[in-house]
């Protein structure tokens, strides 16, 4: 038995989170999709267990590094919800076969450049999807090309809603990361604007809507003119 299994019931999976740990913010559809991913393949072999243990150590080190980089700013928002890495990979591969590095780049773009999963998270996740029979990998020159199998495509179609929810959670996380990276005075100013707008709730007129729209457009134009830092 893995030393951690006495406390959690199972060792962490490819995205560094234990399947038996509390899963905040996930609906039933997301849990069902993650469970299907877990149950799709055969029991893990000794090589699988060794790979997962190596990945766990790498992800634990990465998480400790993130905590050390917070500084005095707000706590960093959670990047990926439990199980979402595999769902995002399936969604991207449903569109077309892709190389691992391309998958990392595309997920980074989904996070608006604020975060990208490490190779130490993506490649073990792809290997697990391959073990589950959902993904197949083939040589493509010096790289490996990953594509969905028929079973993987059927899974993606059956769980299309779960894949959509994973993308929506990623979009929300990306916006939170962008907001967390703003200077404190800017966040305070944005909160002031939001409160002022909410004060008009239920009392809008055509004239007030047009007037506030002009103010916001002027503010946006002025913000665009402020020199950017390096």
C-alpha atoms as a PDB file:
ATOM      1  CA  UNK A   1       0.000   0.000   0.000  1.00  0.00           C
ATOM      2  CA  UNK A   2       1.221   3.458  -0.871  1.00  0.00           C
ATOM      3  CA  UNK A   3       2.145   5.395   2.338  1.00  0.00           C
ATOM      4  CA  UNK A   4      -0.349   8.138   1.514  1.00  0.00           C
ATOM      5  CA  UNK A   5      -3.208   5.732   0.888  1.00  0.00           C
ATOM      6  CA  UNK A   6      -3.764   5.160   4.627  1.00  0.00           C
ATOM      7  CA  UNK A   7      -4.951   8.772   4.879  1.00  0.00           C
ATOM      8  CA  UNK A   8      -6.690   9.459   1.581  1.00  0.00           C
ATOM      9  CA  UNK A   9      -7.798   6.031   0.358  1.00  0.00           C
ATOM     10  CA  UNK A  10      -5.940   6.400  -2.968  1.00  0.00           C
ATOM     11  CA  UNK A  11      -2.822   8.059  -4.213  1.00  0.00           C
ATOM     12  CA  UNK A  12      -3.238  11.348  -6.126  1.00  0.00           C
ATOM     13  CA  UNK A  13      -3.982  11.038  -9.814  1.00  0.00           C
ATOM     14  CA  UNK A  14      -2.367  12.825 -12.740  1.00  0.00           C
ATOM     15  CA  UNK A  15      -3.498  16.344 -11.874  1.00  0.00           C
ATOM     16  CA  UNK A  16      -1.997  15.985  -8.417  1.00  0.00           C
ATOM     17  CA  UNK A  17      -5.303  15.713  -6.521  1.00  0.00           C
ATOM     18  CA  UNK A  18      -6.784  12.741  -4.738  1.00  0.00           C
ATOM     19  CA  UNK A  19     -10.087  11.453  -6.090  1.00  0.00           C
ATOM     20  CA  UNK A  20     -11.362  10.879  -2.529  1.00  0.00           C
ATOM     21  CA  UNK A  21     -10.533  14.398  -1.377  1.00  0.00           C
ATOM     22  CA  UNK A  22     -13.332  16.992  -0.991  1.00  0.00           C
ATOM     23  CA  UNK A  23     -14.352  18.390  -4.390  1.00  0.00           C
ATOM     24  CA  UNK A  24     -15.590  21.903  -3.964  1.00  0.00           C
ATOM     25  CA  UNK A  25     -17.288  23.642  -6.840  1.00  0.00           C
ATOM     26  CA  UNK A  26     -17.979  20.514  -8.877  1.00  0.00           C
ATOM     27  CA  UNK A  27     -21.419  19.409  -9.974  1.00  0.00           C
ATOM     28  CA  UNK A  28     -22.698  15.869 -10.377  1.00  0.00           C
ATOM     29  CA  UNK A  29     -21.933  15.850 -14.096  1.00  0.00           C
ATOM     30  CA  UNK A  30     -18.298  16.723 -13.489  1.00  0.00           C
ATOM     31  CA  UNK A  31     -18.005  14.019 -10.825  1.00  0.00           C
ATOM     32  CA  UNK A  32     -19.619  11.430 -13.095  1.00  0.00           C
ATOM     33  CA  UNK A  33     -17.285  12.307 -15.966  1.00  0.00           C
ATOM     34  CA  UNK A  34     -14.233  12.068 -13.724  1.00  0.00           C
ATOM     35  CA  UNK A  35     -15.460   8.733 -12.390  1.00  0.00           C
ATOM     36  CA  UNK A  36     -15.880   7.417 -15.926  1.00  0.00           C
ATOM     37  CA  UNK A  37     -12.325   8.470 -16.696  1.00  0.00           C
ATOM     38  CA  UNK A  38     -11.138   6.587 -13.634  1.00  0.00           C
ATOM     39  CA  UNK A  39     -13.098   3.422 -14.377  1.00  0.00           C
ATOM     40  CA  UNK A  40     -12.469   3.262 -18.129  1.00  0.00           C
ATOM     41  CA  UNK A  41      -9.200   1.337 -17.893  1.00  0.00           C
ATOM     42  CA  UNK A  42      -7.790  -1.708 -16.153  1.00  0.00           C
ATOM     43  CA  UNK A  43      -6.268  -1.586 -12.638  1.00  0.00           C
ATOM     44  CA  UNK A  44      -2.962   0.270 -12.549  1.00  0.00           C
ATOM     45  CA  UNK A  45       0.182  -1.762 -13.105  1.00  0.00           C
ATOM     46  CA  UNK A  46       3.401  -1.396 -11.113  1.00  0.00           C
ATOM     47  CA  UNK A  47       4.714   0.940 -13.820  1.00  0.00           C
ATOM     48  CA  UNK A  48       1.547   3.035 -13.530  1.00  0.00           C
ATOM     49  CA  UNK A  49       1.978   3.311  -9.766  1.00  0.00           C
ATOM     50  CA  UNK A  50       5.611   4.353 -10.145  1.00  0.00           C
ATOM     51  CA  UNK A  51       4.677   6.958 -12.757  1.00  0.00           C
ATOM     52  CA  UNK A  52       1.963   8.371 -10.526  1.00  0.00           C
ATOM     53  CA  UNK A  53       4.298   8.540  -7.540  1.00  0.00           C
ATOM     54  CA  UNK A  54       6.898  10.444  -9.591  1.00  0.00           C
ATOM     55  CA  UNK A  55       4.196  12.806 -10.810  1.00  0.00           C
ATOM     56  CA  UNK A  56       2.893  13.327  -7.275  1.00  0.00           C
ATOM     57  CA  UNK A  57       6.329  14.410  -6.105  1.00  0.00           C
ATOM     58  CA  UNK A  58       6.658  16.833  -9.023  1.00  0.00           C
ATOM     59  CA  UNK A  59       3.209  18.352  -8.502  1.00  0.00           C
ATOM     60  CA  UNK A  60       3.782  18.679  -4.746  1.00  0.00           C
ATOM     61  CA  UNK A  61       7.004  20.571  -5.417  1.00  0.00           C
ATOM     62  CA  UNK A  62       5.217  22.816  -7.936  1.00  0.00           C
ATOM     63  CA  UNK A  63       2.431  23.626  -5.469  1.00  0.00           C
ATOM     64  CA  UNK A  64       4.929  24.499  -2.723  1.00  0.00           C
ATOM     65  CA  UNK A  65       6.695  26.794  -5.178  1.00  0.00           C
ATOM     66  CA  UNK A  66       3.466  28.613  -5.964  1.00  0.00           C
ATOM     67  CA  UNK A  67       2.779  29.247  -2.289  1.00  0.00           C
ATOM     68  CA  UNK A  68       6.214  30.791  -1.946  1.00  0.00           C
ATOM     69  CA  UNK A  69       5.564  33.174  -4.827  1.00  0.00           C
ATOM     70  CA  UNK A  70       2.407  34.777  -3.454  1.00  0.00           C
ATOM     71  CA  UNK A  71       4.153  37.556  -1.600  1.00  0.00           C
ATOM     72  CA  UNK A  72       1.872  40.103   0.000  1.00  0.00           C
ATOM     73  CA  UNK A  73      -0.809  39.981  -2.701  1.00  0.00           C
ATOM     74  CA  UNK A  74      -4.120  38.120  -2.623  1.00  0.00           C
ATOM     75  CA  UNK A  75      -4.117  34.352  -2.432  1.00  0.00           C
ATOM     76  CA  UNK A  76      -3.634  32.834  -5.871  1.00  0.00           C
ATOM     77  CA  UNK A  77      -6.898  31.436  -7.318  1.00  0.00           C
ATOM     78  CA  UNK A  78      -7.105  27.738  -8.035  1.00  0.00           C
ATOM     79  CA  UNK A  79      -5.922  26.984 -11.557  1.00  0.00           C
ATOM     80  CA  UNK A  80      -7.615  23.737 -12.550  1.00  0.00           C
ATOM     81  CA  UNK A  81     -10.519  22.041 -10.814  1.00  0.00           C
ATOM     82  CA  UNK A  82     -10.144  18.361  -9.982  1.00  0.00           C
ATOM     83  CA  UNK A  83     -10.285  16.263 -13.153  1.00  0.00           C
ATOM     84  CA  UNK A  84     -10.490  19.257 -15.488  1.00  0.00           C
ATOM     85  CA  UNK A  85      -7.044  18.741 -17.023  1.00  0.00           C
ATOM     86  CA  UNK A  86      -8.119  15.459 -18.596  1.00  0.00           C
ATOM     87  CA  UNK A  87     -11.445  16.907 -19.704  1.00  0.00           C
ATOM     88  CA  UNK A  88      -9.673  19.841 -21.371  1.00  0.00           C
ATOM     89  CA  UNK A  89      -7.250  17.472 -23.094  1.00  0.00           C
ATOM     90  CA  UNK A  90     -10.122  15.367 -24.406  1.00  0.00           C
ATOM     91  CA  UNK A  91     -11.890  18.475 -25.682  1.00  0.00           C
ATOM     92  CA  UNK A  92      -8.801  19.740 -27.490  1.00  0.00           C
ATOM     93  CA  UNK A  93      -8.084  16.330 -29.002  1.00  0.00           C
ATOM     94  CA  UNK A  94     -11.695  16.015 -30.117  1.00  0.00           C
ATOM     95  CA  UNK A  95     -11.054  18.895 -32.529  1.00  0.00           C
ATOM     96  CA  UNK A  96      -7.913  17.324 -34.020  1.00  0.00           C
ATOM     97  CA  UNK A  97      -4.812  15.281 -33.122  1.00  0.00           C
ATOM     98  CA  UNK A  98      -2.165  17.361 -31.365  1.00  0.00           C
ATOM     99  CA  UNK A  99       1.346  17.186 -29.941  1.00  0.00           C
ATOM    100  CA  UNK A 100       1.853  17.482 -26.201  1.00  0.00           C
ATOM    101  CA  UNK A 101       3.578  20.861 -26.415  1.00  0.00           C
ATOM    102  CA  UNK A 102       0.697  22.228 -28.488  1.00  0.00           C
ATOM    103  CA  UNK A 103      -1.776  21.050 -25.856  1.00  0.00           C
ATOM    104  CA  UNK A 104       0.198  22.876 -23.156  1.00  0.00           C
ATOM    105  CA  UNK A 105       0.211  26.050 -25.261  1.00  0.00           C
ATOM    106  CA  UNK A 106      -3.519  25.880 -25.999  1.00  0.00           C
ATOM    107  CA  UNK A 107      -4.439  25.436 -22.344  1.00  0.00           C
ATOM    108  CA  UNK A 108      -2.144  28.368 -21.559  1.00  0.00           C
ATOM    109  CA  UNK A 109      -4.099  30.461 -24.068  1.00  0.00           C
ATOM    110  CA  UNK A 110      -7.341  29.414 -22.381  1.00  0.00           C
ATOM    111  CA  UNK A 111      -5.858  30.846 -19.183  1.00  0.00           C
ATOM    112  CA  UNK A 112      -5.066  34.129 -20.993  1.00  0.00           C
ATOM    113  CA  UNK A 113      -1.351  33.524 -20.523  1.00  0.00           C
ATOM    114  CA  UNK A 114      -1.666  33.568 -16.722  1.00  0.00           C
ATOM    115  CA  UNK A 115      -0.977  29.853 -16.266  1.00  0.00           C
ATOM    116  CA  UNK A 116      -0.034  26.776 -18.252  1.00  0.00           C
ATOM    117  CA  UNK A 117       0.101  23.206 -16.932  1.00  0.00           C
ATOM    118  CA  UNK A 118       3.558  21.720 -16.664  1.00  0.00           C
ATOM    119  CA  UNK A 119       4.771  18.903 -18.877  1.00  0.00           C
ATOM    120  CA  UNK A 120       4.950  16.890 -15.652  1.00  0.00           C
ATOM    121  CA  UNK A 121       1.163  17.169 -15.401  1.00  0.00           C
ATOM    122  CA  UNK A 122       0.114  16.938 -19.065  1.00  0.00           C
ATOM    123  CA  UNK A 123       2.131  13.926 -20.208  1.00  0.00           C
ATOM    124  CA  UNK A 124       1.113  11.648 -17.304  1.00  0.00           C
ATOM    125  CA  UNK A 125      -2.512  12.713 -17.894  1.00  0.00           C
ATOM    126  CA  UNK A 126      -2.166  11.751 -21.566  1.00  0.00           C
ATOM    127  CA  UNK A 127      -0.573   8.450 -20.548  1.00  0.00           C
ATOM    128  CA  UNK A 128      -3.505   7.709 -18.240  1.00  0.00           C
ATOM    129  CA  UNK A 129      -6.009   8.558 -20.983  1.00  0.00           C
ATOM    130  CA  UNK A 130      -4.100   6.191 -23.245  1.00  0.00           C
ATOM    131  CA  UNK A 131      -4.206   3.461 -20.563  1.00  0.00           C
ATOM    132  CA  UNK A 132      -7.961   4.047 -20.320  1.00  0.00           C
ATOM    133  CA  UNK A 133      -8.302   3.463 -24.073  1.00  0.00           C
ATOM    134  CA  UNK A 134      -9.478   7.011 -24.797  1.00  0.00           C
ATOM    135  CA  UNK A 135      -6.310   8.330 -26.471  1.00  0.00           C
ATOM    136  CA  UNK A 136      -3.742   6.791 -28.795  1.00  0.00           C
ATOM    137  CA  UNK A 137      -0.233   8.148 -29.389  1.00  0.00           C
ATOM    138  CA  UNK A 138       1.918   7.642 -32.463  1.00  0.00           C
ATOM    139  CA  UNK A 139       5.360   8.692 -33.633  1.00  0.00           C
ATOM    140  CA  UNK A 140       5.404  11.903 -35.672  1.00  0.00           C
ATOM    141  CA  UNK A 141       9.016  12.625 -36.466  1.00  0.00           C
ATOM    142  CA  UNK A 142      10.809  13.457 -33.238  1.00  0.00           C
ATOM    143  CA  UNK A 143       7.531  14.016 -31.392  1.00  0.00           C
ATOM    144  CA  UNK A 144       4.451  12.021 -30.495  1.00  0.00           C
ATOM    145  CA  UNK A 145       1.027  12.837 -31.895  1.00  0.00           C
ATOM    146  CA  UNK A 146      -1.966  12.251 -29.622  1.00  0.00           C
ATOM    147  CA  UNK A 147      -5.455  11.530 -30.970  1.00  0.00           C
ATOM    148  CA  UNK A 148      -8.772  10.264 -29.644  1.00  0.00           C
ATOM    149  CA  UNK A 149      -9.693   6.643 -30.157  1.00  0.00           C
ATOM    150  CA  UNK A 150     -13.225   5.691 -31.154  1.00  0.00           C
ATOM    151  CA  UNK A 151     -13.919   5.123 -27.455  1.00  0.00           C
ATOM    152  CA  UNK A 152     -12.449   8.527 -26.630  1.00  0.00           C
ATOM    153  CA  UNK A 153     -14.583  10.254 -29.236  1.00  0.00           C
ATOM    154  CA  UNK A 154     -17.677   8.473 -27.951  1.00  0.00           C
ATOM    155  CA  UNK A 155     -16.791   9.516 -24.401  1.00  0.00           C
ATOM    156  CA  UNK A 156     -16.334  13.153 -25.457  1.00  0.00           C
ATOM    157  CA  UNK A 157     -19.697  13.146 -27.219  1.00  0.00           C
ATOM    158  CA  UNK A 158     -21.493  11.459 -24.329  1.00  0.00           C
ATOM    159  CA  UNK A 159     -19.973  13.880 -21.813  1.00  0.00           C
ATOM    160  CA  UNK A 160     -20.071  17.001 -23.985  1.00  0.00           C
ATOM    161  CA  UNK A 161     -21.768  18.942 -21.186  1.00  0.00           C
ATOM    162  CA  UNK A 162     -19.036  17.999 -18.703  1.00  0.00           C
ATOM    163  CA  UNK A 163     -16.397  19.164 -21.200  1.00  0.00           C
ATOM    164  CA  UNK A 164     -18.259  22.457 -21.618  1.00  0.00           C
ATOM    165  CA  UNK A 165     -18.409  22.920 -17.851  1.00  0.00           C
ATOM    166  CA  UNK A 166     -14.659  22.314 -17.603  1.00  0.00           C
ATOM    167  CA  UNK A 167     -14.053  25.017 -20.208  1.00  0.00           C
ATOM    168  CA  UNK A 168     -16.350  27.427 -18.351  1.00  0.00           C
ATOM    169  CA  UNK A 169     -14.546  26.759 -15.067  1.00  0.00           C
ATOM    170  CA  UNK A 170     -11.265  27.422 -16.848  1.00  0.00           C
ATOM    171  CA  UNK A 171     -12.565  30.744 -18.182  1.00  0.00           C
ATOM    172  CA  UNK A 172     -13.650  31.795 -14.691  1.00  0.00           C
ATOM    173  CA  UNK A 173     -10.302  30.745 -13.253  1.00  0.00           C
ATOM    174  CA  UNK A 174      -8.476  32.727 -15.946  1.00  0.00           C
ATOM    175  CA  UNK A 175     -10.460  35.861 -15.114  1.00  0.00           C
ATOM    176  CA  UNK A 176      -9.722  35.361 -11.410  1.00  0.00           C
ATOM    177  CA  UNK A 177      -6.006  35.007 -12.127  1.00  0.00           C
ATOM    178  CA  UNK A 178      -6.020  38.208 -14.178  1.00  0.00           C
ATOM    179  CA  UNK A 179      -7.860  40.050 -11.415  1.00  0.00           C
ATOM    180  CA  UNK A 180      -5.506  38.699  -8.741  1.00  0.00           C
ATOM    181  CA  UNK A 181      -2.572  40.077 -10.725  1.00  0.00           C
ATOM    182  CA  UNK A 182      -3.930  43.628 -10.757  1.00  0.00           C
ATOM    183  CA  UNK A 183      -2.406  46.233  -8.423  1.00  0.00           C
ATOM    184  CA  UNK A 184      -4.429  46.771  -5.244  1.00  0.00           C
ATOM    185  CA  UNK A 185      -5.439  50.362  -6.189  1.00  0.00           C
ATOM    186  CA  UNK A 186      -6.806  49.110  -9.514  1.00  0.00           C
ATOM    187  CA  UNK A 187      -8.830  46.357  -7.828  1.00  0.00           C
ATOM    188  CA  UNK A 188     -10.196  48.934  -5.397  1.00  0.00           C
ATOM    189  CA  UNK A 189     -11.151  51.244  -8.261  1.00  0.00           C
ATOM    190  CA  UNK A 190     -12.898  48.427 -10.112  1.00  0.00           C
ATOM    191  CA  UNK A 191     -14.850  47.555  -6.970  1.00  0.00           C
ATOM    192  CA  UNK A 192     -15.923  51.193  -6.688  1.00  0.00           C
ATOM    193  CA  UNK A 193     -17.199  51.192 -10.258  1.00  0.00           C
ATOM    194  CA  UNK A 194     -19.097  47.960  -9.630  1.00  0.00           C
ATOM    195  CA  UNK A 195     -20.749  49.369  -6.500  1.00  0.00           C
ATOM    196  CA  UNK A 196     -21.732  52.536  -8.349  1.00  0.00           C
ATOM    197  CA  UNK A 197     -23.316  50.518 -11.153  1.00  0.00           C
ATOM    198  CA  UNK A 198     -25.168  48.256  -8.726  1.00  0.00           C
ATOM    199  CA  UNK A 199     -26.616  51.352  -7.049  1.00  0.00           C
ATOM    200  CA  UNK A 200     -28.539  51.999 -10.288  1.00  0.00           C
ATOM    201  CA  UNK A 201     -30.069  48.519 -10.304  1.00  0.00           C
ATOM    202  CA  UNK A 202     -33.803  48.778 -10.816  1.00  0.00           C
ATOM    203  CA  UNK A 203     -33.611  52.500 -11.535  1.00  0.00           C
ATOM    204  CA  UNK A 204     -32.152  52.574 -15.044  1.00  0.00           C
ATOM    205  CA  UNK A 205     -33.458  54.980 -17.657  1.00  0.00           C
ATOM    206  CA  UNK A 206     -32.440  55.331 -21.275  1.00  0.00           C
ATOM    207  CA  UNK A 207     -30.683  58.594 -20.440  1.00  0.00           C
ATOM    208  CA  UNK A 208     -28.749  57.245 -17.439  1.00  0.00           C
ATOM    209  CA  UNK A 209     -27.692  54.146 -19.385  1.00  0.00           C
ATOM    210  CA  UNK A 210     -26.331  56.222 -22.253  1.00  0.00           C
ATOM    211  CA  UNK A 211     -24.584  58.646 -19.886  1.00  0.00           C
ATOM    212  CA  UNK A 212     -22.833  55.890 -17.939  1.00  0.00           C
ATOM    213  CA  UNK A 213     -21.909  54.079 -21.151  1.00  0.00           C
ATOM    214  CA  UNK A 214     -20.157  57.254 -22.356  1.00  0.00           C
ATOM    215  CA  UNK A 215     -18.292  57.553 -19.042  1.00  0.00           C
ATOM    216  CA  UNK A 216     -17.113  53.945 -19.244  1.00  0.00           C
ATOM    217  CA  UNK A 217     -16.034  54.326 -22.878  1.00  0.00           C
ATOM    218  CA  UNK A 218     -14.070  57.462 -22.023  1.00  0.00           C
ATOM    219  CA  UNK A 219     -12.443  55.686 -19.066  1.00  0.00           C
ATOM    220  CA  UNK A 220     -11.510  52.726 -21.274  1.00  0.00           C
ATOM    221  CA  UNK A 221      -9.940  55.050 -23.841  1.00  0.00           C
ATOM    222  CA  UNK A 222      -7.934  56.823 -21.139  1.00  0.00           C
ATOM    223  CA  UNK A 223      -6.773  53.527 -19.629  1.00  0.00           C
ATOM    224  CA  UNK A 224      -5.560  52.403 -23.057  1.00  0.00           C
ATOM    225  CA  UNK A 225      -3.370  55.519 -23.247  1.00  0.00           C
ATOM    226  CA  UNK A 226      -1.559  54.831 -19.943  1.00  0.00           C
ATOM    227  CA  UNK A 227       2.008  53.611 -20.692  1.00  0.00           C
ATOM    228  CA  UNK A 228       2.565  49.929 -19.955  1.00  0.00           C
ATOM    229  CA  UNK A 229       5.409  48.647 -17.825  1.00  0.00           C
ATOM    230  CA  UNK A 230       8.037  46.241 -19.093  1.00  0.00           C
END
